Amino acid sequence: MLTALGRLLRLISRKNTTPQRIDELHLAGYFPPPMNATMLDRYQVTVEQYTRFRRDGFLVIPGLVSPAEIAELRQHTEDLMQGRLPEQRAQMAERDLNKDHGVSAQGLEAPPAHLSPIEKAQYFLRLHMLHRKLELHERYMLHPRVLDVLEVLIGPDVLALQTMLFLKPPGKPGQGWHQDSYYIPTHPDTLCGAWIAIDDCDELNGAMWFAKDSQVEPVYPPCPEIGYGFGDKLVSDITYVKGVSHSDDSQNMLTRVANRYDQVLVPAQPGDVVFFGGHVLHRSKKNFTTDRFRRSFVSHYCNARSFTQWGVDPDLQPPRTDPVTKMANGYHILARGDTHLPFAQPRFGTPCAATLPANERRQQSDYAARIIASMNNGLLGCAIADPTLVDKDEEAKAPAGSY
C-alpha cells in the first residue's frame, strides 16, 4: 500500500500533472506557497547534460529562449545601433574604427548622426552592464529558463553579476583565448556564463571556440606589469601571463595552454544558450562575412553564497561595498534561492528571488530538502548502508592481505 508520500511522488511524476494536483502537493505541505503551474514549465536539466558541462566545461542547450524573445532582442539591437533608444541621449565622438579590438566596449550612446545605417552599426562591438540602465537587459539576465539551468549547474542559490551585449558587425575582430574568472573573481570560484545566440553563429561570422576539457586548469594570473586580472597565485608553479584576450595567438600566452586541448567550434542558432564555467579557455575569431552580424546577449552568474569584490557601481549611493572586506555582493541581484550575504534588488522590478519576502525565499529554497528528508534519508527507499556489515561471499573470495 502506498504511503501518502508515495502517492505524492507518483502524482508529481505524471506527465499530465495539473495545477489542481500541484495545489494538492502544496496542501500536503511539500511545496511552499505560492506553488503553481509555472513550476511545470521549468527546464529540466538531464544527468547527461550535467555531466557534459562538468566534463567539457561548457554546455549548449538548443532553443532555450523562444523565437519571439529572440525577435525582441534582435529589434532592440537594431534600435540601439541606429541610436533610437530614448536612453541614448549622448552622441559618440567619431573614432578610427580600424583601431577597435576584441575587448573594445562602447557606452549607451548614439552613433554620429550623419552616418549611414551601415556605418552607424560599425560603431558598436560590445556594451557592458546595461542591466543597470535598461529594463530589457535586466529581464533577459533574469530569464526564468536560463536560471532553471543555472540553478542546477551552480546553484541552487544564484547571484546575477554582469551583462554584455555583443553586436559584432561584419569585419569586427574576435576575442582571443581567455578565462572568464580572470576578469570576474568569485570565492569560492563558481562563475558561469550564459551566452544567448541572437543570430546564426558559425565559423564565418565568429562563433565561439572552446578548449574542450580545459575547465580543470587553474586561472592564470597576469604578470605584475599588467593593470588588471586575477588568478590562482597560490599554485606554486603557476605561470603568470600576458596578452590575455589578444586575438593574435603569438601575443597571447594562454595559447600554449589552449593548445594542450582539443579546440572545438561551438556553432549556435538563435535561441540556443551556451553555458560555460569560469576556468574553461575560450575565444572567438573575426567576423569574416560582409553582410552578417554575430549578435549575442551574455550574462555571468555565481553561486549566491560566493564572495566577490567585483562589480562596484560608482553611481549607486550610498555605497554598498563592505568597508572592511571590500565585498561587493550588495551590488548584484539574487536571482534564485537564498543567501546569507548581501544582495541587490532588480532596479526595474523583474521577478526573481530578490523580490520575494525573506520567509518565502527560505521556503522556496528549502522545499526540496524537506522532501528528501522524508525519503529514507534521501535514498528514495533504499536501505541505509551499515559500514559494519561484511559481505561473507566477498570475504571468502578475498585473498589474505588484500583490500
Protein backbone atom coordinates (compact mmCIF):
# COMPACT_ATOMS: atom_id res chain seq x y z
CA MET A 1 0.00 0.00 0.00
CA LEU A 2 1.37 3.42 -1.00
CA THR A 3 2.16 5.90 1.74
CA ALA A 4 0.92 9.47 1.44
CA LEU A 5 4.44 10.45 0.36
CA GLY A 6 4.49 7.71 -2.25
CA ARG A 7 1.21 8.93 -3.69
CA LEU A 8 2.60 12.46 -3.87
CA LEU A 9 5.76 11.29 -5.65
CA ARG A 10 3.72 9.32 -8.14
CA LEU A 11 1.50 12.36 -8.61
CA ILE A 12 4.33 14.78 -9.40
CA SER A 13 6.00 12.32 -11.77
CA ARG A 14 2.96 12.09 -14.06
CA LYS A 15 3.21 13.95 -17.34
CA ASN A 16 -0.37 15.18 -17.02
CA THR A 17 0.18 16.92 -13.70
CA THR A 18 -2.28 19.81 -13.43
CA PRO A 19 -2.42 22.97 -11.34
CA GLN A 20 -5.01 21.20 -9.16
CA ARG A 21 -2.55 18.42 -8.44
CA ILE A 22 0.12 20.98 -7.63
CA ASP A 23 -2.33 22.54 -5.18
CA GLU A 24 -2.77 19.12 -3.58
CA LEU A 25 1.01 18.89 -3.14
CA HIS A 26 1.03 22.32 -1.53
CA LEU A 27 -1.79 21.39 0.83
CA ALA A 28 0.15 18.29 1.79
CA GLY A 29 2.99 20.55 2.91
CA TYR A 30 5.59 19.54 0.36
CA PHE A 31 5.62 22.76 -1.66
CA PRO A 32 5.67 26.24 -0.18
CA PRO A 33 3.20 28.86 -1.31
CA PRO A 34 2.91 30.16 -3.91
CA MET A 35 3.40 26.99 -5.98
CA ASN A 36 1.53 26.96 -9.26
CA ALA A 37 1.60 25.63 -12.80
CA THR A 38 4.66 27.71 -13.67
CA MET A 39 6.73 25.13 -11.80
CA LEU A 40 5.79 22.69 -14.54
CA ASP A 41 7.39 24.96 -17.17
CA ARG A 42 10.86 24.65 -15.66
CA TYR A 43 13.61 23.49 -17.96
CA GLN A 44 14.70 20.08 -16.76
CA VAL A 45 18.48 19.56 -16.89
CA THR A 46 19.32 15.90 -17.53
CA VAL A 47 22.12 13.86 -15.99
CA GLU A 48 23.78 13.68 -19.41
CA GLN A 49 23.74 17.49 -19.71
CA TYR A 50 25.02 17.94 -16.18
CA THR A 51 27.93 15.55 -16.72
CA ARG A 52 28.73 17.08 -20.12
CA PHE A 53 29.02 20.53 -18.51
CA ARG A 54 31.32 19.17 -15.81
CA ARG A 55 33.38 17.12 -18.29
CA ASP A 56 33.71 19.56 -21.21
CA GLY A 57 33.47 22.87 -19.37
CA PHE A 58 30.53 24.04 -21.47
CA LEU A 59 27.02 23.01 -22.46
CA VAL A 60 24.80 24.05 -25.36
CA ILE A 61 21.03 23.92 -24.80
CA PRO A 62 19.19 24.40 -28.10
CA GLY A 63 16.14 26.65 -28.27
CA LEU A 64 16.09 27.59 -24.59
CA VAL A 65 14.97 31.13 -25.47
CA SER A 66 11.84 31.43 -27.63
CA PRO A 67 11.71 32.83 -31.19
CA ALA A 68 9.50 35.72 -30.01
CA GLU A 69 12.07 36.67 -27.38
CA ILE A 70 14.90 36.47 -29.92
CA ALA A 71 12.90 38.76 -32.22
CA GLU A 72 12.61 41.24 -29.35
CA LEU A 73 16.36 41.12 -28.70
CA ARG A 74 17.13 41.49 -32.40
CA GLN A 75 14.87 44.55 -32.73
CA HIS A 76 16.48 46.02 -29.63
CA THR A 77 19.93 45.70 -31.18
CA GLU A 78 18.71 47.35 -34.40
CA ASP A 79 17.30 50.28 -32.44
CA LEU A 80 20.45 50.59 -30.35
CA MET A 81 22.83 50.58 -33.33
CA GLN A 82 20.79 53.29 -35.03
CA GLY A 83 20.66 55.42 -31.88
CA ARG A 84 16.88 55.15 -31.50
CA LEU A 85 16.72 54.24 -27.80
CA PRO A 86 15.45 57.09 -25.58
CA GLU A 87 18.33 56.38 -23.19
CA GLN A 88 20.89 57.20 -25.92
CA ARG A 89 20.83 60.89 -25.11
CA ALA A 90 24.54 61.49 -25.73
CA GLN A 91 26.31 61.01 -29.05
CA MET A 92 29.61 59.21 -29.64
CA ALA A 93 32.59 61.09 -30.95
CA GLU A 94 33.93 59.92 -34.29
CA ARG A 95 36.79 57.42 -33.99
CA ASP A 96 39.09 55.30 -36.14
CA LEU A 97 37.17 52.01 -36.32
CA ASN A 98 40.28 50.19 -37.54
CA LYS A 99 41.66 50.51 -34.02
CA ASP A 100 38.81 48.51 -32.47
CA HIS A 101 39.99 45.25 -30.87
CA GLY A 102 38.28 42.25 -29.33
CA VAL A 103 37.59 43.85 -25.95
CA SER A 104 36.67 47.35 -27.17
CA ALA A 105 33.45 48.34 -25.41
CA GLN A 106 31.03 51.16 -26.06
CA GLY A 107 28.67 53.06 -23.79
CA LEU A 108 24.97 53.70 -24.10
CA GLU A 109 25.42 56.49 -26.64
CA ALA A 110 24.10 57.13 -30.14
CA PRO A 111 26.48 56.85 -33.10
CA PRO A 112 27.35 60.02 -35.02
CA ALA A 113 24.12 61.22 -36.59
CA HIS A 114 25.47 61.98 -40.08
CA LEU A 115 26.49 58.36 -40.80
CA SER A 116 24.57 55.87 -42.94
CA PRO A 117 22.77 52.97 -41.17
CA ILE A 118 25.58 50.57 -42.11
CA GLU A 119 28.24 52.98 -40.85
CA LYS A 120 26.34 53.54 -37.59
CA ALA A 121 26.28 49.80 -36.89
CA GLN A 122 30.07 49.64 -37.27
CA TYR A 123 30.40 51.89 -34.20
CA PHE A 124 29.29 49.03 -31.93
CA LEU A 125 31.06 45.88 -30.86
CA ARG A 126 30.00 45.23 -27.26
CA LEU A 127 28.28 47.00 -24.36
CA HIS A 128 28.59 46.07 -20.69
CA MET A 129 26.34 46.18 -17.64
CA LEU A 130 23.29 47.67 -19.30
CA HIS A 131 21.01 45.73 -16.93
CA ARG A 132 21.64 48.65 -14.60
CA LYS A 133 20.22 51.07 -17.19
CA LEU A 134 17.74 49.16 -19.37
CA GLU A 135 14.75 47.07 -18.28
CA LEU A 136 15.14 44.68 -21.21
CA HIS A 137 18.69 43.75 -20.22
CA GLU A 138 17.67 43.10 -16.62
CA ARG A 139 14.79 40.94 -17.84
CA TYR A 140 16.98 38.73 -20.03
CA MET A 141 19.65 38.43 -17.37
CA LEU A 142 16.89 37.03 -15.12
CA HIS A 143 15.29 34.87 -17.84
CA PRO A 144 13.50 32.06 -15.95
CA ARG A 145 14.61 29.21 -18.24
CA VAL A 146 18.23 30.36 -18.14
CA LEU A 147 18.00 30.48 -14.34
CA ASP A 148 16.48 26.98 -14.31
CA VAL A 149 19.70 25.65 -15.83
CA LEU A 150 21.99 27.71 -13.62
CA GLU A 151 20.13 26.57 -10.52
CA VAL A 152 21.27 23.04 -11.37
CA LEU A 153 24.78 23.80 -12.63
CA ILE A 154 25.98 26.25 -9.95
CA GLY A 155 23.02 26.69 -7.56
CA PRO A 156 20.62 26.28 -6.03
CA ASP A 157 21.44 29.84 -4.94
CA VAL A 158 22.29 32.07 -7.92
CA LEU A 159 23.63 35.63 -7.97
CA ALA A 160 23.37 37.61 -11.24
CA LEU A 161 26.56 39.62 -11.75
CA GLN A 162 27.03 41.01 -15.23
CA THR A 163 25.57 41.51 -18.70
CA MET A 164 27.20 42.06 -22.08
CA LEU A 165 25.55 42.68 -25.43
CA PHE A 166 27.69 41.70 -28.41
CA LEU A 167 26.84 43.19 -31.81
CA LYS A 168 29.93 42.12 -33.79
CA PRO A 169 29.09 43.59 -37.22
CA PRO A 170 30.82 42.34 -40.39
CA GLY A 171 34.60 42.65 -40.23
CA LYS A 172 34.80 43.19 -36.47
CA PRO A 173 37.58 41.36 -34.56
CA GLY A 174 37.17 38.44 -32.20
CA GLN A 175 38.49 37.98 -28.67
CA GLY A 176 41.49 35.73 -28.08
CA TRP A 177 41.91 32.93 -25.55
CA HIS A 178 40.82 33.85 -22.04
CA GLN A 179 39.18 32.53 -18.88
CA ASP A 180 36.26 34.50 -17.51
CA SER A 181 37.33 34.12 -13.88
CA TYR A 182 40.44 36.11 -14.83
CA TYR A 183 38.10 39.10 -15.17
CA ILE A 184 35.37 38.31 -12.60
CA PRO A 185 36.74 36.62 -9.46
CA THR A 186 34.39 34.88 -7.02
CA HIS A 187 35.34 32.95 -3.89
CA PRO A 188 34.74 30.03 -3.95
CA ASP A 189 35.01 30.25 -7.73
CA THR A 190 31.55 29.40 -9.05
CA LEU A 191 31.44 31.73 -12.06
CA CYS A 192 29.30 30.65 -15.02
CA GLY A 193 28.43 32.42 -18.26
CA ALA A 194 25.19 32.09 -20.23
CA TRP A 195 25.54 33.12 -23.90
CA ILE A 196 22.23 33.61 -25.76
CA ALA A 197 22.63 33.47 -29.55
CA ILE A 198 20.60 36.15 -31.34
CA ASP A 199 21.92 35.33 -34.83
CA ASP A 200 23.06 32.13 -36.51
CA CYS A 201 26.62 31.76 -35.29
CA ASP A 202 29.20 29.78 -37.25
CA GLU A 203 32.88 29.80 -38.14
CA LEU A 204 32.48 32.56 -40.73
CA ASN A 205 30.81 35.18 -38.55
CA GLY A 206 32.79 34.48 -35.39
CA ALA A 207 31.17 31.76 -33.28
CA MET A 208 32.85 30.74 -30.04
CA TRP A 209 35.62 28.16 -29.78
CA PHE A 210 36.36 26.20 -26.61
CA ALA A 211 39.43 24.34 -25.45
CA LYS A 212 37.38 21.31 -24.51
CA ASP A 213 38.08 19.90 -21.01
CA SER A 214 40.27 22.89 -20.06
CA GLN A 215 37.98 23.75 -17.13
CA VAL A 216 40.41 21.70 -15.00
CA GLU A 217 43.08 24.38 -15.45
CA PRO A 218 43.77 26.98 -12.76
CA VAL A 219 43.09 30.58 -13.64
CA TYR A 220 46.38 32.01 -14.89
CA PRO A 221 47.17 35.35 -13.22
CA PRO A 222 48.54 38.42 -15.01
CA CYS A 223 52.18 39.44 -14.97
CA PRO A 224 52.89 42.19 -12.39
CA GLU A 225 53.05 44.93 -15.01
CA ILE A 226 49.53 44.12 -16.28
CA GLY A 227 46.98 46.52 -14.84
CA TYR A 228 44.02 44.17 -14.41
CA GLY A 229 43.36 40.48 -13.93
CA PHE A 230 43.07 37.76 -11.30
CA GLY A 231 44.33 34.21 -10.94
CA ASP A 232 45.31 31.30 -8.75
CA LYS A 233 48.56 32.73 -7.41
CA LEU A 234 48.78 30.15 -4.62
CA VAL A 235 49.51 27.38 -7.14
CA SER A 236 53.25 27.02 -6.59
CA ASP A 237 54.39 26.72 -10.21
CA ILE A 238 51.70 28.82 -11.86
CA THR A 239 52.72 30.75 -14.97
CA TYR A 240 51.97 34.47 -14.99
CA VAL A 241 50.62 35.53 -18.35
CA LYS A 242 50.43 38.44 -20.78
CA GLY A 243 48.22 39.09 -23.76
CA VAL A 244 45.05 37.52 -22.33
CA SER A 245 42.20 38.02 -24.84
CA HIS A 246 44.63 39.18 -27.55
CA SER A 247 43.38 37.84 -30.88
CA ASP A 248 46.95 37.31 -32.13
CA ASP A 249 47.88 33.90 -30.75
CA SER A 250 51.57 34.78 -30.79
CA GLN A 251 50.87 37.62 -28.35
CA ASN A 252 48.54 35.64 -26.06
CA MET A 253 50.36 33.42 -23.56
CA LEU A 254 47.19 31.39 -22.92
CA THR A 255 47.51 29.99 -26.44
CA ARG A 256 50.12 27.49 -25.26
CA VAL A 257 47.67 26.28 -22.59
CA ALA A 258 44.77 26.05 -25.06
CA ASN A 259 46.99 24.08 -27.45
CA ARG A 260 47.10 21.21 -24.97
CA TYR A 261 43.40 20.59 -25.58
CA ASP A 262 41.05 19.75 -28.40
CA GLN A 263 39.81 23.09 -29.73
CA VAL A 264 36.19 22.84 -30.86
CA LEU A 265 33.94 25.28 -32.68
CA VAL A 266 30.55 25.73 -30.99
CA PRO A 267 28.03 26.87 -33.61
CA ALA A 268 24.67 28.11 -32.36
CA GLN A 269 21.28 29.04 -33.74
CA PRO A 270 19.06 31.88 -32.49
CA GLY A 271 17.64 30.94 -29.09
CA ASP A 272 20.39 28.46 -28.24
CA VAL A 273 22.18 29.16 -24.96
CA VAL A 274 25.80 28.21 -24.29
CA PHE A 275 26.68 27.77 -20.60
CA PHE A 276 30.37 27.75 -19.65
CA GLY A 277 32.43 27.79 -16.49
CA GLY A 278 34.87 30.45 -15.40
CA HIS A 279 38.02 28.32 -15.91
CA VAL A 280 37.40 26.90 -19.39
CA LEU A 281 39.53 28.56 -22.09
CA HIS A 282 37.51 30.01 -24.96
CA ARG A 283 37.80 32.50 -27.78
CA SER A 284 36.11 33.88 -30.86
CA LYS A 285 37.55 34.87 -34.21
CA LYS A 286 36.88 37.72 -36.61
CA ASN A 287 33.53 38.10 -38.33
CA PHE A 288 34.76 37.33 -41.84
CA THR A 289 31.41 37.97 -43.51
CA THR A 290 30.41 41.13 -45.34
CA ASP A 291 26.69 41.08 -44.53
CA ARG A 292 26.07 39.15 -41.28
CA PHE A 293 26.17 40.15 -37.63
CA ARG A 294 27.02 37.83 -34.77
CA ARG A 295 24.84 39.17 -32.00
CA SER A 296 24.56 37.59 -28.57
CA PHE A 297 23.34 38.51 -25.10
CA VAL A 298 25.69 37.25 -22.39
CA SER A 299 25.29 37.23 -18.62
CA HIS A 300 27.53 35.98 -15.84
CA TYR A 301 26.47 34.46 -12.54
CA CYS A 302 27.91 32.78 -9.49
CA ASN A 303 26.58 30.86 -6.55
CA ALA A 304 24.93 33.42 -4.28
CA ARG A 305 26.98 32.20 -1.33
CA SER A 306 30.26 33.04 -3.06
CA PHE A 307 32.05 36.24 -2.05
CA THR A 308 33.09 38.81 -4.65
CA GLN A 309 34.76 42.21 -4.63
CA TRP A 310 33.92 42.71 -8.31
CA GLY A 311 31.26 44.92 -9.85
CA VAL A 312 31.11 48.03 -7.68
CA ASP A 313 28.72 50.60 -9.16
CA PRO A 314 30.22 54.05 -8.51
CA ASP A 315 26.94 55.72 -9.45
CA LEU A 316 24.98 54.00 -6.68
CA GLN A 317 24.73 55.99 -3.47
CA PRO A 318 25.20 55.28 -0.66
CA PRO A 319 27.95 52.75 -1.47
CA ARG A 320 27.21 49.08 -0.76
CA THR A 321 30.82 47.94 -0.52
CA ASP A 322 31.76 46.45 2.84
CA PRO A 323 34.35 48.88 4.26
CA VAL A 324 36.40 46.09 5.85
CA THR A 325 36.26 43.17 3.41
CA LYS A 326 35.52 45.20 0.23
CA MET A 327 32.75 42.70 -0.51
CA ALA A 328 30.58 43.89 -3.42
CA ASN A 329 27.80 41.27 -3.32
CA GLY A 330 25.34 44.01 -2.41
CA TYR A 331 25.54 45.39 -5.95
CA HIS A 332 24.36 42.13 -7.56
CA ILE A 333 20.88 40.62 -7.87
CA LEU A 334 19.80 37.45 -6.08
CA ALA A 335 18.28 35.54 -8.99
CA ARG A 336 17.37 32.21 -7.37
CA GLY A 337 17.41 30.61 -3.94
CA ASP A 338 18.66 32.41 -0.85
CA THR A 339 21.92 33.64 0.69
CA HIS A 340 23.46 34.78 3.95
CA LEU A 341 25.31 37.54 2.06
CA PRO A 342 24.03 40.95 0.91
CA PHE A 343 22.34 41.29 -2.49
CA ALA A 344 20.63 43.93 -4.61
CA GLN A 345 17.06 44.29 -5.80
CA PRO A 346 16.40 44.41 -9.55
CA ARG A 347 16.17 48.08 -10.47
CA PHE A 348 13.26 47.50 -12.87
CA GLY A 349 11.37 45.03 -10.68
CA THR A 350 11.94 41.86 -12.73
CA PRO A 351 10.56 38.95 -10.65
CA CYS A 352 13.31 36.85 -9.07
CA ALA A 353 14.36 35.57 -5.65
CA ALA A 354 15.39 39.07 -4.55
CA THR A 355 11.82 40.35 -4.89
CA LEU A 356 10.38 37.64 -2.61
CA PRO A 357 9.87 38.22 1.11
CA ALA A 358 12.65 36.61 3.16
CA ASN A 359 10.41 33.90 4.62
CA GLU A 360 9.13 32.96 1.15
CA ARG A 361 12.69 32.77 -0.24
CA ARG A 362 13.59 30.36 2.51
CA GLN A 363 10.50 28.26 1.86
CA GLN A 364 11.22 28.10 -1.86
CA SER A 365 14.85 27.07 -1.31
CA ASP A 366 14.03 24.58 1.45
CA TYR A 367 11.18 22.60 -0.11
CA ALA A 368 13.44 20.13 -1.94
CA ALA A 369 15.40 19.48 1.23
CA ARG A 370 12.16 18.79 3.11
CA ILE A 371 11.10 16.23 0.53
CA ILE A 372 14.48 14.49 0.59
CA ALA A 373 14.50 14.44 4.39
CA SER A 374 11.26 12.45 4.30
CA MET A 375 12.61 9.82 1.90
CA ASN A 376 14.72 7.45 3.95
CA ASN A 377 17.49 10.00 4.39
CA GLY A 378 17.38 10.85 0.72
CA LEU A 379 17.89 7.31 -0.58
CA LEU A 380 14.39 7.01 -2.10
CA GLY A 381 13.50 3.79 -0.35
CA CYS A 382 16.92 2.11 -0.38
CA ALA A 383 18.23 0.58 2.81
CA ILE A 384 20.65 2.71 4.82
CA ALA A 385 24.21 1.41 4.50
CA ASP A 386 25.74 -0.13 7.63
CA PRO A 387 29.54 0.20 7.49
CA THR A 388 29.99 -2.66 9.98
CA LEU A 389 28.31 -5.25 7.76
CA VAL A 390 30.56 -7.69 5.88
CA ASP A 391 29.61 -9.49 2.68
CA LYS A 392 30.55 -13.04 3.62
CA ASP A 393 30.73 -14.20 -0.01
CA GLU A 394 33.19 -11.47 -0.88
CA GLU A 395 35.10 -12.10 2.35
CA ALA A 396 35.57 -15.72 1.40
CA LYS A 397 36.87 -14.82 -2.07
CA ALA A 398 39.37 -12.19 -0.93
CA PRO A 399 42.96 -13.44 -0.66
CA ALA A 400 44.90 -12.76 2.50
CA GLY A 401 46.36 -9.30 2.69
CA SER A 402 44.06 -7.86 0.02
CA TYR A 403 41.79 -4.86 0.35
